[in-house]
């Protein structure tokens, strides 16, 4: 069991001055271990996934919400301390901390079950310190209970890559037995593809990485081609995971009539001018994906357990967090990068 005594100093990484990852925007930190406040859990971190959002934060694509924030929002850990008012978790429990960290609970979006659109939503690793460290605070109401008998490194990518990929799949309106195109094939995509395949879809993967194409075919994709190539048949739905705006018209043009393209990234380079007849006519749909609800998380974790989802990871020691980000930026990661303290 992970132990983080109060008197120990906490080591990890924080975003210093955002900039290109080759310049080393992460800086090493040594801080006092925080104490959980009301409604909070202190997790001793067993593993933390490295998400492309962490890369966007480090490089400044997403403006920092606070200085020197510890990134990381795919946190698997053991509860080492609980704050007041916590009733669902005890010391020793395994829990997960994810991207969505807090919402107001009162606005019309929260009341309608669309808390991912809450104007006052807060996020782990952006509004508060995350899991690129030996311990992290997580609000109990936004934590997920995780199984004790699974490898922490295999659970970590489920908490954002898996959840957001699941929401993107639902936003793509894929019909039963439909034809799904996936553009980009990293952490989120290789998990969403397995859900789609388990539900009877035909999956076509389009990505620049030869290694990712091999992984896609190994998981059961019907085809795997270059990112700008045409899929072998028209698509009912598509998901754009690559943060490349140039691929939006490419994916739209690959859709059949009434098809839907869901853009899954939190950051996207500029989208070129669209041609109405080529890209949107015949009732093709274009939508974005914004964070997730806690219900998305619960639904995905139940689905992942039921279908026996396979998680492909590239593990790194905590000391190599900066290298993990560089490898992610250069497409040198198979599946999901995971830090293991």
C-alpha atoms as a PDB file:
ATOM      1  CA  UNK A   1       0.000   0.000   0.000  1.00  0.00           C
ATOM      2  CA  UNK A   2       1.199   3.498  -0.827  1.00  0.00           C
ATOM      3  CA  UNK A   3       2.068   5.593   2.222  1.00  0.00           C
ATOM      4  CA  UNK A   4       2.673   9.345   2.192  1.00  0.00           C
ATOM      5  CA  UNK A   5       3.443  10.433   5.778  1.00  0.00           C
ATOM      6  CA  UNK A   6       2.601  14.038   6.624  1.00  0.00           C
ATOM      7  CA  UNK A   7       6.190  14.928   7.373  1.00  0.00           C
ATOM      8  CA  UNK A   8       7.507  13.871   3.966  1.00  0.00           C
ATOM      9  CA  UNK A   9       8.106  16.340   1.188  1.00  0.00           C
ATOM     10  CA  UNK A  10       6.203  15.840  -2.037  1.00  0.00           C
ATOM     11  CA  UNK A  11       8.251  15.514  -5.223  1.00  0.00           C
ATOM     12  CA  UNK A  12       6.985  15.837  -8.753  1.00  0.00           C
ATOM     13  CA  UNK A  13       6.733  18.191 -11.717  1.00  0.00           C
ATOM     14  CA  UNK A  14       4.971  21.484 -12.431  1.00  0.00           C
ATOM     15  CA  UNK A  15       4.553  23.643 -15.517  1.00  0.00           C
ATOM     16  CA  UNK A  16       7.068  26.476 -15.255  1.00  0.00           C
ATOM     17  CA  UNK A  17       7.098  28.757 -18.280  1.00  0.00           C
ATOM     18  CA  UNK A  18       4.876  27.241 -20.990  1.00  0.00           C
ATOM     19  CA  UNK A  19       6.635  26.723 -24.295  1.00  0.00           C
ATOM     20  CA  UNK A  20       7.772  24.102 -26.817  1.00  0.00           C
ATOM     21  CA  UNK A  21       8.308  20.790 -25.099  1.00  0.00           C
ATOM     22  CA  UNK A  22      11.871  20.573 -26.422  1.00  0.00           C
ATOM     23  CA  UNK A  23      12.671  23.607 -24.252  1.00  0.00           C
ATOM     24  CA  UNK A  24      11.672  21.852 -21.047  1.00  0.00           C
ATOM     25  CA  UNK A  25       8.546  23.667 -19.793  1.00  0.00           C
ATOM     26  CA  UNK A  26       8.223  21.215 -16.896  1.00  0.00           C
ATOM     27  CA  UNK A  27      10.215  21.919 -13.752  1.00  0.00           C
ATOM     28  CA  UNK A  28      10.953  19.638 -10.831  1.00  0.00           C
ATOM     29  CA  UNK A  29       9.285  20.526  -7.544  1.00  0.00           C
ATOM     30  CA  UNK A  30       9.577  19.588  -3.890  1.00  0.00           C
ATOM     31  CA  UNK A  31       6.650  20.728  -1.756  1.00  0.00           C
ATOM     32  CA  UNK A  32       4.969  19.956   1.543  1.00  0.00           C
ATOM     33  CA  UNK A  33       2.454  17.134   1.321  1.00  0.00           C
ATOM     34  CA  UNK A  34      -1.013  18.769   1.330  1.00  0.00           C
ATOM     35  CA  UNK A  35      -3.689  17.898   3.862  1.00  0.00           C
ATOM     36  CA  UNK A  36      -7.175  17.040   2.595  1.00  0.00           C
ATOM     37  CA  UNK A  37      -9.831  19.630   3.320  1.00  0.00           C
ATOM     38  CA  UNK A  38     -13.561  18.962   3.691  1.00  0.00           C
ATOM     39  CA  UNK A  39     -14.756  16.598   0.982  1.00  0.00           C
ATOM     40  CA  UNK A  40     -11.251  15.776  -0.258  1.00  0.00           C
ATOM     41  CA  UNK A  41      -9.109  12.656  -0.541  1.00  0.00           C
ATOM     42  CA  UNK A  42      -5.314  12.562  -0.414  1.00  0.00           C
ATOM     43  CA  UNK A  43      -4.153   9.892  -2.825  1.00  0.00           C
ATOM     44  CA  UNK A  44      -0.749   8.304  -2.805  1.00  0.00           C
ATOM     45  CA  UNK A  45      -0.217   8.124  -6.568  1.00  0.00           C
ATOM     46  CA  UNK A  46       0.323   4.632  -7.994  1.00  0.00           C
ATOM     47  CA  UNK A  47       0.192   5.746 -11.632  1.00  0.00           C
ATOM     48  CA  UNK A  48      -0.762   8.797 -13.670  1.00  0.00           C
ATOM     49  CA  UNK A  49      -1.496   8.825 -17.373  1.00  0.00           C
ATOM     50  CA  UNK A  50       0.114  11.420 -19.631  1.00  0.00           C
ATOM     51  CA  UNK A  51      -2.611  13.028 -21.723  1.00  0.00           C
ATOM     52  CA  UNK A  52      -2.284  15.230 -24.791  1.00  0.00           C
ATOM     53  CA  UNK A  53      -4.031  17.914 -22.720  1.00  0.00           C
ATOM     54  CA  UNK A  54      -0.979  17.896 -20.429  1.00  0.00           C
ATOM     55  CA  UNK A  55       1.124  18.568 -23.504  1.00  0.00           C
ATOM     56  CA  UNK A  56      -1.147  21.449 -24.554  1.00  0.00           C
ATOM     57  CA  UNK A  57      -0.853  22.960 -21.075  1.00  0.00           C
ATOM     58  CA  UNK A  58       2.928  22.589 -20.977  1.00  0.00           C
ATOM     59  CA  UNK A  59       3.358  24.141 -24.419  1.00  0.00           C
ATOM     60  CA  UNK A  60       0.910  26.972 -23.791  1.00  0.00           C
ATOM     61  CA  UNK A  61      -1.775  25.961 -26.297  1.00  0.00           C
ATOM     62  CA  UNK A  62      -4.080  26.161 -23.282  1.00  0.00           C
ATOM     63  CA  UNK A  63      -3.392  29.252 -21.157  1.00  0.00           C
ATOM     64  CA  UNK A  64      -2.462  28.415 -17.560  1.00  0.00           C
ATOM     65  CA  UNK A  65      -5.140  29.046 -14.948  1.00  0.00           C
ATOM     66  CA  UNK A  66      -2.565  29.319 -12.156  1.00  0.00           C
ATOM     67  CA  UNK A  67       1.202  29.442 -11.856  1.00  0.00           C
ATOM     68  CA  UNK A  68       3.363  26.354 -11.281  1.00  0.00           C
ATOM     69  CA  UNK A  69       0.520  23.845 -11.500  1.00  0.00           C
ATOM     70  CA  UNK A  70       1.251  20.126 -11.333  1.00  0.00           C
ATOM     71  CA  UNK A  71      -0.267  18.549 -14.462  1.00  0.00           C
ATOM     72  CA  UNK A  72      -1.788  15.096 -14.740  1.00  0.00           C
ATOM     73  CA  UNK A  73      -5.445  14.112 -14.545  1.00  0.00           C
ATOM     74  CA  UNK A  74      -5.480  10.337 -15.026  1.00  0.00           C
ATOM     75  CA  UNK A  75      -4.625   9.534 -11.420  1.00  0.00           C
ATOM     76  CA  UNK A  76      -4.791   6.102  -9.836  1.00  0.00           C
ATOM     77  CA  UNK A  77      -3.913   5.948  -6.167  1.00  0.00           C
ATOM     78  CA  UNK A  78      -4.613   4.722  -2.671  1.00  0.00           C
ATOM     79  CA  UNK A  79      -6.416   6.901  -0.182  1.00  0.00           C
ATOM     80  CA  UNK A  80      -3.914   7.841   2.511  1.00  0.00           C
ATOM     81  CA  UNK A  81      -6.037  10.496   4.252  1.00  0.00           C
ATOM     82  CA  UNK A  82      -9.601  11.792   4.083  1.00  0.00           C
ATOM     83  CA  UNK A  83     -11.030  15.196   4.888  1.00  0.00           C
ATOM     84  CA  UNK A  84     -14.177  15.964   6.789  1.00  0.00           C
ATOM     85  CA  UNK A  85     -17.561  15.050   5.305  1.00  0.00           C
ATOM     86  CA  UNK A  86     -16.126  12.158   3.264  1.00  0.00           C
ATOM     87  CA  UNK A  87     -18.294   9.056   3.670  1.00  0.00           C
ATOM     88  CA  UNK A  88     -17.757   7.047   0.461  1.00  0.00           C
ATOM     89  CA  UNK A  89     -14.020   6.398   0.779  1.00  0.00           C
ATOM     90  CA  UNK A  90     -11.749   5.126   3.538  1.00  0.00           C
ATOM     91  CA  UNK A  91      -7.992   5.020   3.993  1.00  0.00           C
ATOM     92  CA  UNK A  92      -6.627   2.167   1.904  1.00  0.00           C
ATOM     93  CA  UNK A  93      -9.279   2.332  -0.810  1.00  0.00           C
ATOM     94  CA  UNK A  94      -8.172   2.616  -4.397  1.00  0.00           C
ATOM     95  CA  UNK A  95      -9.588   5.666  -6.158  1.00  0.00           C
ATOM     96  CA  UNK A  96      -9.176   7.571  -9.381  1.00  0.00           C
ATOM     97  CA  UNK A  97      -8.970  11.289 -10.054  1.00  0.00           C
ATOM     98  CA  UNK A  98      -9.978  12.540 -13.505  1.00  0.00           C
ATOM     99  CA  UNK A  99     -10.074  15.757 -15.573  1.00  0.00           C
ATOM    100  CA  UNK A 100     -13.431  17.050 -14.338  1.00  0.00           C
ATOM    101  CA  UNK A 101     -12.796  18.213 -10.778  1.00  0.00           C
ATOM    102  CA  UNK A 102     -15.773  20.336  -9.822  1.00  0.00           C
ATOM    103  CA  UNK A 103     -18.969  21.994 -11.035  1.00  0.00           C
ATOM    104  CA  UNK A 104     -21.426  24.409  -9.462  1.00  0.00           C
ATOM    105  CA  UNK A 105     -24.333  21.932  -9.343  1.00  0.00           C
ATOM    106  CA  UNK A 106     -26.814  24.799  -9.707  1.00  0.00           C
ATOM    107  CA  UNK A 107     -26.661  26.146 -13.273  1.00  0.00           C
ATOM    108  CA  UNK A 108     -29.051  25.013 -15.978  1.00  0.00           C
ATOM    109  CA  UNK A 109     -26.402  22.722 -17.458  1.00  0.00           C
ATOM    110  CA  UNK A 110     -25.759  20.940 -14.171  1.00  0.00           C
ATOM    111  CA  UNK A 111     -29.471  20.620 -13.489  1.00  0.00           C
ATOM    112  CA  UNK A 112     -29.995  19.115 -16.950  1.00  0.00           C
ATOM    113  CA  UNK A 113     -27.276  16.471 -16.499  1.00  0.00           C
ATOM    114  CA  UNK A 114     -24.841  18.358 -18.735  1.00  0.00           C
ATOM    115  CA  UNK A 115     -22.340  19.317 -16.060  1.00  0.00           C
ATOM    116  CA  UNK A 116     -19.495  19.168 -18.573  1.00  0.00           C
ATOM    117  CA  UNK A 117     -20.806  22.521 -19.865  1.00  0.00           C
ATOM    118  CA  UNK A 118     -20.948  24.180 -16.428  1.00  0.00           C
ATOM    119  CA  UNK A 119     -19.464  27.712 -16.703  1.00  0.00           C
ATOM    120  CA  UNK A 120     -17.851  27.241 -13.290  1.00  0.00           C
ATOM    121  CA  UNK A 121     -16.347  23.816 -13.982  1.00  0.00           C
ATOM    122  CA  UNK A 122     -12.832  23.136 -12.667  1.00  0.00           C
ATOM    123  CA  UNK A 123     -10.195  20.727 -13.895  1.00  0.00           C
ATOM    124  CA  UNK A 124      -7.423  18.638 -12.385  1.00  0.00           C
ATOM    125  CA  UNK A 125      -3.958  19.712 -13.492  1.00  0.00           C
ATOM    126  CA  UNK A 126      -5.277  23.062 -14.741  1.00  0.00           C
ATOM    127  CA  UNK A 127      -7.191  24.650 -11.846  1.00  0.00           C
ATOM    128  CA  UNK A 128      -5.522  22.527  -9.157  1.00  0.00           C
ATOM    129  CA  UNK A 129      -2.459  20.313  -8.865  1.00  0.00           C
ATOM    130  CA  UNK A 130      -2.665  16.941 -10.551  1.00  0.00           C
ATOM    131  CA  UNK A 131      -0.902  13.602 -10.565  1.00  0.00           C
ATOM    132  CA  UNK A 132       2.612  14.274 -11.903  1.00  0.00           C
ATOM    133  CA  UNK A 133       3.698  13.875  -8.281  1.00  0.00           C
ATOM    134  CA  UNK A 134       3.847  11.343  -5.481  1.00  0.00           C
ATOM    135  CA  UNK A 135       0.497  12.425  -4.029  1.00  0.00           C
ATOM    136  CA  UNK A 136      -2.532  14.442  -5.097  1.00  0.00           C
ATOM    137  CA  UNK A 137      -5.709  15.873  -3.616  1.00  0.00           C
ATOM    138  CA  UNK A 138      -8.940  14.761  -5.298  1.00  0.00           C
ATOM    139  CA  UNK A 139     -12.509  15.860  -4.454  1.00  0.00           C
ATOM    140  CA  UNK A 140     -14.320  12.755  -3.232  1.00  0.00           C
ATOM    141  CA  UNK A 141     -17.502  13.609  -5.136  1.00  0.00           C
ATOM    142  CA  UNK A 142     -15.544  13.558  -8.402  1.00  0.00           C
ATOM    143  CA  UNK A 143     -13.404  10.500  -7.664  1.00  0.00           C
ATOM    144  CA  UNK A 144     -14.013   7.053  -9.107  1.00  0.00           C
ATOM    145  CA  UNK A 145     -13.814   3.825  -7.148  1.00  0.00           C
ATOM    146  CA  UNK A 146     -11.387   1.484  -8.927  1.00  0.00           C
ATOM    147  CA  UNK A 147     -10.738  -2.264  -8.664  1.00  0.00           C
ATOM    148  CA  UNK A 148      -7.985  -3.446  -6.338  1.00  0.00           C
ATOM    149  CA  UNK A 149      -6.873  -6.367  -8.483  1.00  0.00           C
ATOM    150  CA  UNK A 150      -5.738  -4.547 -11.638  1.00  0.00           C
ATOM    151  CA  UNK A 151      -2.442  -2.942 -12.588  1.00  0.00           C
ATOM    152  CA  UNK A 152      -2.595   0.775 -11.771  1.00  0.00           C
ATOM    153  CA  UNK A 153      -0.740   1.645 -14.986  1.00  0.00           C
ATOM    154  CA  UNK A 154      -3.465  -0.054 -17.036  1.00  0.00           C
ATOM    155  CA  UNK A 155      -6.241   1.736 -15.161  1.00  0.00           C
ATOM    156  CA  UNK A 156      -4.806   5.247 -15.449  1.00  0.00           C
ATOM    157  CA  UNK A 157      -5.542   5.880 -19.171  1.00  0.00           C
ATOM    158  CA  UNK A 158      -9.172   4.916 -18.632  1.00  0.00           C
ATOM    159  CA  UNK A 159      -9.713   8.037 -16.516  1.00  0.00           C
ATOM    160  CA  UNK A 160      -9.439  10.555 -19.349  1.00  0.00           C
ATOM    161  CA  UNK A 161      -8.384   8.923 -22.600  1.00  0.00           C
ATOM    162  CA  UNK A 162     -11.046   6.291 -22.066  1.00  0.00           C
ATOM    163  CA  UNK A 163     -13.781   8.537 -20.740  1.00  0.00           C
ATOM    164  CA  UNK A 164     -13.402  11.302 -23.323  1.00  0.00           C
ATOM    165  CA  UNK A 165     -13.102   8.743 -26.108  1.00  0.00           C
ATOM    166  CA  UNK A 166     -16.335   7.177 -24.908  1.00  0.00           C
ATOM    167  CA  UNK A 167     -18.106  10.538 -24.933  1.00  0.00           C
ATOM    168  CA  UNK A 168     -16.718  11.289 -28.401  1.00  0.00           C
ATOM    169  CA  UNK A 169     -18.050   7.947 -29.630  1.00  0.00           C
ATOM    170  CA  UNK A 170     -21.506   8.785 -28.311  1.00  0.00           C
ATOM    171  CA  UNK A 171     -21.336  12.295 -29.795  1.00  0.00           C
ATOM    172  CA  UNK A 172     -20.485  10.793 -33.194  1.00  0.00           C
ATOM    173  CA  UNK A 173     -23.983   9.252 -33.326  1.00  0.00           C
ATOM    174  CA  UNK A 174     -22.641   5.967 -34.665  1.00  0.00           C
ATOM    175  CA  UNK A 175     -25.606   3.806 -35.725  1.00  0.00           C
ATOM    176  CA  UNK A 176     -25.820   0.137 -34.814  1.00  0.00           C
ATOM    177  CA  UNK A 177     -23.455  -1.819 -37.053  1.00  0.00           C
ATOM    178  CA  UNK A 178     -22.178   1.447 -38.508  1.00  0.00           C
ATOM    179  CA  UNK A 179     -18.937   2.418 -40.224  1.00  0.00           C
ATOM    180  CA  UNK A 180     -16.678   4.521 -37.997  1.00  0.00           C
ATOM    181  CA  UNK A 181     -13.597   6.451 -39.063  1.00  0.00           C
ATOM    182  CA  UNK A 182     -11.014   7.346 -36.427  1.00  0.00           C
ATOM    183  CA  UNK A 183      -8.491  10.074 -37.268  1.00  0.00           C
ATOM    184  CA  UNK A 184      -5.427   9.858 -35.044  1.00  0.00           C
ATOM    185  CA  UNK A 185      -4.808   6.708 -33.030  1.00  0.00           C
ATOM    186  CA  UNK A 186      -3.330   7.422 -29.624  1.00  0.00           C
ATOM    187  CA  UNK A 187      -4.508   6.821 -26.081  1.00  0.00           C
ATOM    188  CA  UNK A 188      -8.167   7.831 -26.501  1.00  0.00           C
ATOM    189  CA  UNK A 189      -8.607   6.367 -29.952  1.00  0.00           C
ATOM    190  CA  UNK A 190      -7.338   2.876 -29.174  1.00  0.00           C
ATOM    191  CA  UNK A 191      -9.837   2.620 -26.317  1.00  0.00           C
ATOM    192  CA  UNK A 192     -12.823   4.126 -28.149  1.00  0.00           C
ATOM    193  CA  UNK A 193     -12.155   1.801 -31.077  1.00  0.00           C
ATOM    194  CA  UNK A 194     -12.522  -1.227 -28.829  1.00  0.00           C
ATOM    195  CA  UNK A 195     -15.875  -0.022 -27.516  1.00  0.00           C
ATOM    196  CA  UNK A 196     -17.095   0.540 -31.077  1.00  0.00           C
ATOM    197  CA  UNK A 197     -15.860  -2.885 -32.197  1.00  0.00           C
ATOM    198  CA  UNK A 198     -17.522  -4.561 -29.216  1.00  0.00           C
ATOM    199  CA  UNK A 199     -20.780  -2.886 -30.235  1.00  0.00           C
ATOM    200  CA  UNK A 200     -20.566  -4.298 -33.761  1.00  0.00           C
ATOM    201  CA  UNK A 201     -19.110  -1.369 -35.701  1.00  0.00           C
ATOM    202  CA  UNK A 202     -16.688  -1.529 -38.614  1.00  0.00           C
ATOM    203  CA  UNK A 203     -13.720   0.666 -37.736  1.00  0.00           C
ATOM    204  CA  UNK A 204     -11.369   2.370 -40.179  1.00  0.00           C
ATOM    205  CA  UNK A 205      -8.307   4.117 -38.721  1.00  0.00           C
ATOM    206  CA  UNK A 206      -6.506   7.001 -40.415  1.00  0.00           C
ATOM    207  CA  UNK A 207      -3.267   8.152 -38.809  1.00  0.00           C
ATOM    208  CA  UNK A 208       0.238   9.239 -39.783  1.00  0.00           C
ATOM    209  CA  UNK A 209       1.935   6.761 -37.409  1.00  0.00           C
ATOM    210  CA  UNK A 210       2.855   3.377 -38.888  1.00  0.00           C
ATOM    211  CA  UNK A 211       3.126   1.921 -35.383  1.00  0.00           C
ATOM    212  CA  UNK A 212      -0.360   3.164 -34.549  1.00  0.00           C
ATOM    213  CA  UNK A 213      -1.715   1.597 -37.737  1.00  0.00           C
ATOM    214  CA  UNK A 214      -0.235  -1.738 -36.679  1.00  0.00           C
ATOM    215  CA  UNK A 215      -1.864  -1.404 -33.252  1.00  0.00           C
ATOM    216  CA  UNK A 216      -5.218  -0.563 -34.836  1.00  0.00           C
ATOM    217  CA  UNK A 217      -5.157  -3.634 -37.072  1.00  0.00           C
ATOM    218  CA  UNK A 218      -4.138  -5.784 -34.135  1.00  0.00           C
ATOM    219  CA  UNK A 219      -7.170  -4.582 -32.186  1.00  0.00           C
ATOM    220  CA  UNK A 220      -9.538  -5.479 -35.017  1.00  0.00           C
ATOM    221  CA  UNK A 221      -9.790  -2.401 -37.259  1.00  0.00           C
ATOM    222  CA  UNK A 222     -10.960  -3.251 -40.780  1.00  0.00           C
ATOM    223  CA  UNK A 223      -8.377  -0.927 -42.307  1.00  0.00           C
ATOM    224  CA  UNK A 224      -5.592   1.438 -41.291  1.00  0.00           C
ATOM    225  CA  UNK A 225      -4.335   4.116 -43.660  1.00  0.00           C
ATOM    226  CA  UNK A 226      -2.553   7.462 -43.668  1.00  0.00           C
ATOM    227  CA  UNK A 227      -4.246  10.410 -41.991  1.00  0.00           C
ATOM    228  CA  UNK A 228      -5.133  12.146 -45.274  1.00  0.00           C
ATOM    229  CA  UNK A 229      -6.073   8.986 -47.154  1.00  0.00           C
ATOM    230  CA  UNK A 230      -9.615   8.085 -48.154  1.00  0.00           C
ATOM    231  CA  UNK A 231     -11.196   5.244 -46.142  1.00  0.00           C
ATOM    232  CA  UNK A 232     -12.208   2.203 -48.228  1.00  0.00           C
ATOM    233  CA  UNK A 233     -15.924   2.953 -47.835  1.00  0.00           C
ATOM    234  CA  UNK A 234     -18.117   5.931 -46.855  1.00  0.00           C
ATOM    235  CA  UNK A 235     -18.374   6.542 -43.113  1.00  0.00           C
ATOM    236  CA  UNK A 236     -21.509   6.814 -40.994  1.00  0.00           C
ATOM    237  CA  UNK A 237     -19.537   8.544 -38.245  1.00  0.00           C
ATOM    238  CA  UNK A 238     -16.037   9.802 -37.598  1.00  0.00           C
ATOM    239  CA  UNK A 239     -14.042  10.991 -34.610  1.00  0.00           C
ATOM    240  CA  UNK A 240     -11.111  13.370 -34.933  1.00  0.00           C
ATOM    241  CA  UNK A 241      -8.637  12.747 -32.116  1.00  0.00           C
ATOM    242  CA  UNK A 242      -5.608  14.341 -33.801  1.00  0.00           C
ATOM    243  CA  UNK A 243      -5.402  18.072 -32.890  1.00  0.00           C
ATOM    244  CA  UNK A 244      -5.074  18.976 -36.577  1.00  0.00           C
ATOM    245  CA  UNK A 245      -7.680  21.314 -38.029  1.00  0.00           C
ATOM    246  CA  UNK A 246      -6.634  20.440 -41.595  1.00  0.00           C
ATOM    247  CA  UNK A 247      -8.236  17.023 -41.069  1.00  0.00           C
ATOM    248  CA  UNK A 248     -11.725  18.428 -40.441  1.00  0.00           C
ATOM    249  CA  UNK A 249     -12.588  18.847 -44.148  1.00  0.00           C
ATOM    250  CA  UNK A 250     -10.847  15.551 -44.930  1.00  0.00           C
ATOM    251  CA  UNK A 251     -13.027  13.693 -42.435  1.00  0.00           C
ATOM    252  CA  UNK A 252     -16.212  15.511 -43.448  1.00  0.00           C
ATOM    253  CA  UNK A 253     -15.633  14.590 -47.082  1.00  0.00           C
ATOM    254  CA  UNK A 254     -15.298  10.927 -46.082  1.00  0.00           C
ATOM    255  CA  UNK A 255     -18.748  10.884 -44.452  1.00  0.00           C
ATOM    256  CA  UNK A 256     -21.781   9.350 -46.084  1.00  0.00           C
ATOM    257  CA  UNK A 257     -25.046  11.298 -46.177  1.00  0.00           C
ATOM    258  CA  UNK A 258     -26.248  12.352 -42.691  1.00  0.00           C
ATOM    259  CA  UNK A 259     -22.908  11.287 -41.159  1.00  0.00           C
ATOM    260  CA  UNK A 260     -21.470  12.977 -38.075  1.00  0.00           C
ATOM    261  CA  UNK A 261     -17.925  14.084 -37.304  1.00  0.00           C
ATOM    262  CA  UNK A 262     -17.112  14.573 -33.608  1.00  0.00           C
ATOM    263  CA  UNK A 263     -13.973  16.592 -32.817  1.00  0.00           C
ATOM    264  CA  UNK A 264     -12.635  15.194 -29.562  1.00  0.00           C
ATOM    265  CA  UNK A 265      -9.675  17.398 -28.657  1.00  0.00           C
ATOM    266  CA  UNK A 266      -9.614  20.277 -26.192  1.00  0.00           C
ATOM    267  CA  UNK A 267      -7.299  22.127 -28.619  1.00  0.00           C
ATOM    268  CA  UNK A 268      -7.324  22.145 -32.417  1.00  0.00           C
ATOM    269  CA  UNK A 269      -5.270  24.047 -34.957  1.00  0.00           C
ATOM    270  CA  UNK A 270      -7.250  26.314 -37.266  1.00  0.00           C
ATOM    271  CA  UNK A 271      -9.833  24.673 -39.510  1.00  0.00           C
ATOM    272  CA  UNK A 272      -9.547  25.575 -43.212  1.00  0.00           C
ATOM    273  CA  UNK A 273     -12.446  27.169 -45.033  1.00  0.00           C
ATOM    274  CA  UNK A 274     -15.148  24.561 -45.653  1.00  0.00           C
ATOM    275  CA  UNK A 275     -16.975  24.122 -48.925  1.00  0.00           C
ATOM    276  CA  UNK A 276     -20.674  23.753 -48.221  1.00  0.00           C
ATOM    277  CA  UNK A 277     -21.412  21.346 -51.073  1.00  0.00           C
ATOM    278  CA  UNK A 278     -18.400  19.084 -50.499  1.00  0.00           C
ATOM    279  CA  UNK A 279     -18.279  19.059 -46.723  1.00  0.00           C
ATOM    280  CA  UNK A 280     -21.665  19.838 -45.170  1.00  0.00           C
ATOM    281  CA  UNK A 281     -24.421  19.335 -47.708  1.00  0.00           C
ATOM    282  CA  UNK A 282     -26.564  16.164 -47.536  1.00  0.00           C
ATOM    283  CA  UNK A 283     -27.031  16.764 -43.833  1.00  0.00           C
ATOM    284  CA  UNK A 284     -23.510  15.983 -42.685  1.00  0.00           C
ATOM    285  CA  UNK A 285     -22.991  17.072 -39.082  1.00  0.00           C
ATOM    286  CA  UNK A 286     -19.991  18.598 -37.311  1.00  0.00           C
ATOM    287  CA  UNK A 287     -19.850  18.736 -33.501  1.00  0.00           C
ATOM    288  CA  UNK A 288     -17.317  19.214 -30.730  1.00  0.00           C
ATOM    289  CA  UNK A 289     -16.720  17.299 -27.511  1.00  0.00           C
ATOM    290  CA  UNK A 290     -16.330  19.257 -24.272  1.00  0.00           C
ATOM    291  CA  UNK A 291     -14.995  17.422 -21.234  1.00  0.00           C
ATOM    292  CA  UNK A 292     -17.294  14.759 -19.795  1.00  0.00           C
ATOM    293  CA  UNK A 293     -19.872  14.209 -17.119  1.00  0.00           C
ATOM    294  CA  UNK A 294     -19.346  11.944 -14.155  1.00  0.00           C
ATOM    295  CA  UNK A 295     -22.018   9.688 -15.609  1.00  0.00           C
ATOM    296  CA  UNK A 296     -19.894   9.324 -18.745  1.00  0.00           C
ATOM    297  CA  UNK A 297     -17.092   8.146 -16.486  1.00  0.00           C
ATOM    298  CA  UNK A 298     -19.229   5.626 -14.660  1.00  0.00           C
ATOM    299  CA  UNK A 299     -20.731   4.313 -17.899  1.00  0.00           C
ATOM    300  CA  UNK A 300     -17.352   3.948 -19.580  1.00  0.00           C
ATOM    301  CA  UNK A 301     -15.676   2.209 -16.645  1.00  0.00           C
ATOM    302  CA  UNK A 302     -18.555  -0.273 -16.487  1.00  0.00           C
ATOM    303  CA  UNK A 303     -18.296  -0.851 -20.243  1.00  0.00           C
ATOM    304  CA  UNK A 304     -14.513  -1.269 -20.106  1.00  0.00           C
ATOM    305  CA  UNK A 305     -14.839  -3.920 -17.404  1.00  0.00           C
ATOM    306  CA  UNK A 306     -17.626  -5.723 -19.259  1.00  0.00           C
ATOM    307  CA  UNK A 307     -15.842  -5.971 -22.621  1.00  0.00           C
ATOM    308  CA  UNK A 308     -12.400  -6.618 -21.123  1.00  0.00           C
ATOM    309  CA  UNK A 309     -10.827  -3.603 -22.776  1.00  0.00           C
ATOM    310  CA  UNK A 310      -7.124  -3.917 -23.638  1.00  0.00           C
ATOM    311  CA  UNK A 311      -4.987  -0.960 -22.611  1.00  0.00           C
ATOM    312  CA  UNK A 312      -1.696  -0.473 -24.423  1.00  0.00           C
ATOM    313  CA  UNK A 313       0.739   1.572 -22.359  1.00  0.00           C
ATOM    314  CA  UNK A 314       4.250   2.954 -22.505  1.00  0.00           C
ATOM    315  CA  UNK A 315       5.412   3.273 -18.863  1.00  0.00           C
ATOM    316  CA  UNK A 316       7.845   5.940 -17.641  1.00  0.00           C
ATOM    317  CA  UNK A 317       9.266   6.554 -14.179  1.00  0.00           C
ATOM    318  CA  UNK A 318       8.045   9.778 -12.561  1.00  0.00           C
ATOM    319  CA  UNK A 319      11.527  11.244 -13.031  1.00  0.00           C
ATOM    320  CA  UNK A 320      11.049  10.988 -16.821  1.00  0.00           C
ATOM    321  CA  UNK A 321       7.833  13.019 -17.109  1.00  0.00           C
ATOM    322  CA  UNK A 322       9.523  15.540 -19.397  1.00  0.00           C
ATOM    323  CA  UNK A 323      10.681  12.742 -21.693  1.00  0.00           C
ATOM    324  CA  UNK A 324       7.172  11.284 -21.767  1.00  0.00           C
ATOM    325  CA  UNK A 325       5.824  14.620 -23.013  1.00  0.00           C
ATOM    326  CA  UNK A 326       8.517  14.856 -25.681  1.00  0.00           C
ATOM    327  CA  UNK A 327       7.743  11.339 -26.877  1.00  0.00           C
ATOM    328  CA  UNK A 328       4.027  12.098 -26.935  1.00  0.00           C
ATOM    329  CA  UNK A 329       4.621  15.212 -29.035  1.00  0.00           C
ATOM    330  CA  UNK A 330       6.736  13.204 -31.483  1.00  0.00           C
ATOM    331  CA  UNK A 331       4.278  10.275 -31.780  1.00  0.00           C
ATOM    332  CA  UNK A 332       6.782   7.896 -30.200  1.00  0.00           C
ATOM    333  CA  UNK A 333       4.253   6.518 -27.681  1.00  0.00           C
ATOM    334  CA  UNK A 334       2.429   3.237 -28.219  1.00  0.00           C
ATOM    335  CA  UNK A 335      -1.073   3.591 -26.793  1.00  0.00           C
ATOM    336  CA  UNK A 336      -0.922   5.697 -23.641  1.00  0.00           C
ATOM    337  CA  UNK A 337       2.104   7.045 -21.776  1.00  0.00           C
ATOM    338  CA  UNK A 338       1.881   6.420 -18.026  1.00  0.00           C
ATOM    339  CA  UNK A 339       4.034   7.734 -15.177  1.00  0.00           C
ATOM    340  CA  UNK A 340       4.710   5.254 -12.399  1.00  0.00           C
ATOM    341  CA  UNK A 341       6.232   6.807  -9.246  1.00  0.00           C
END
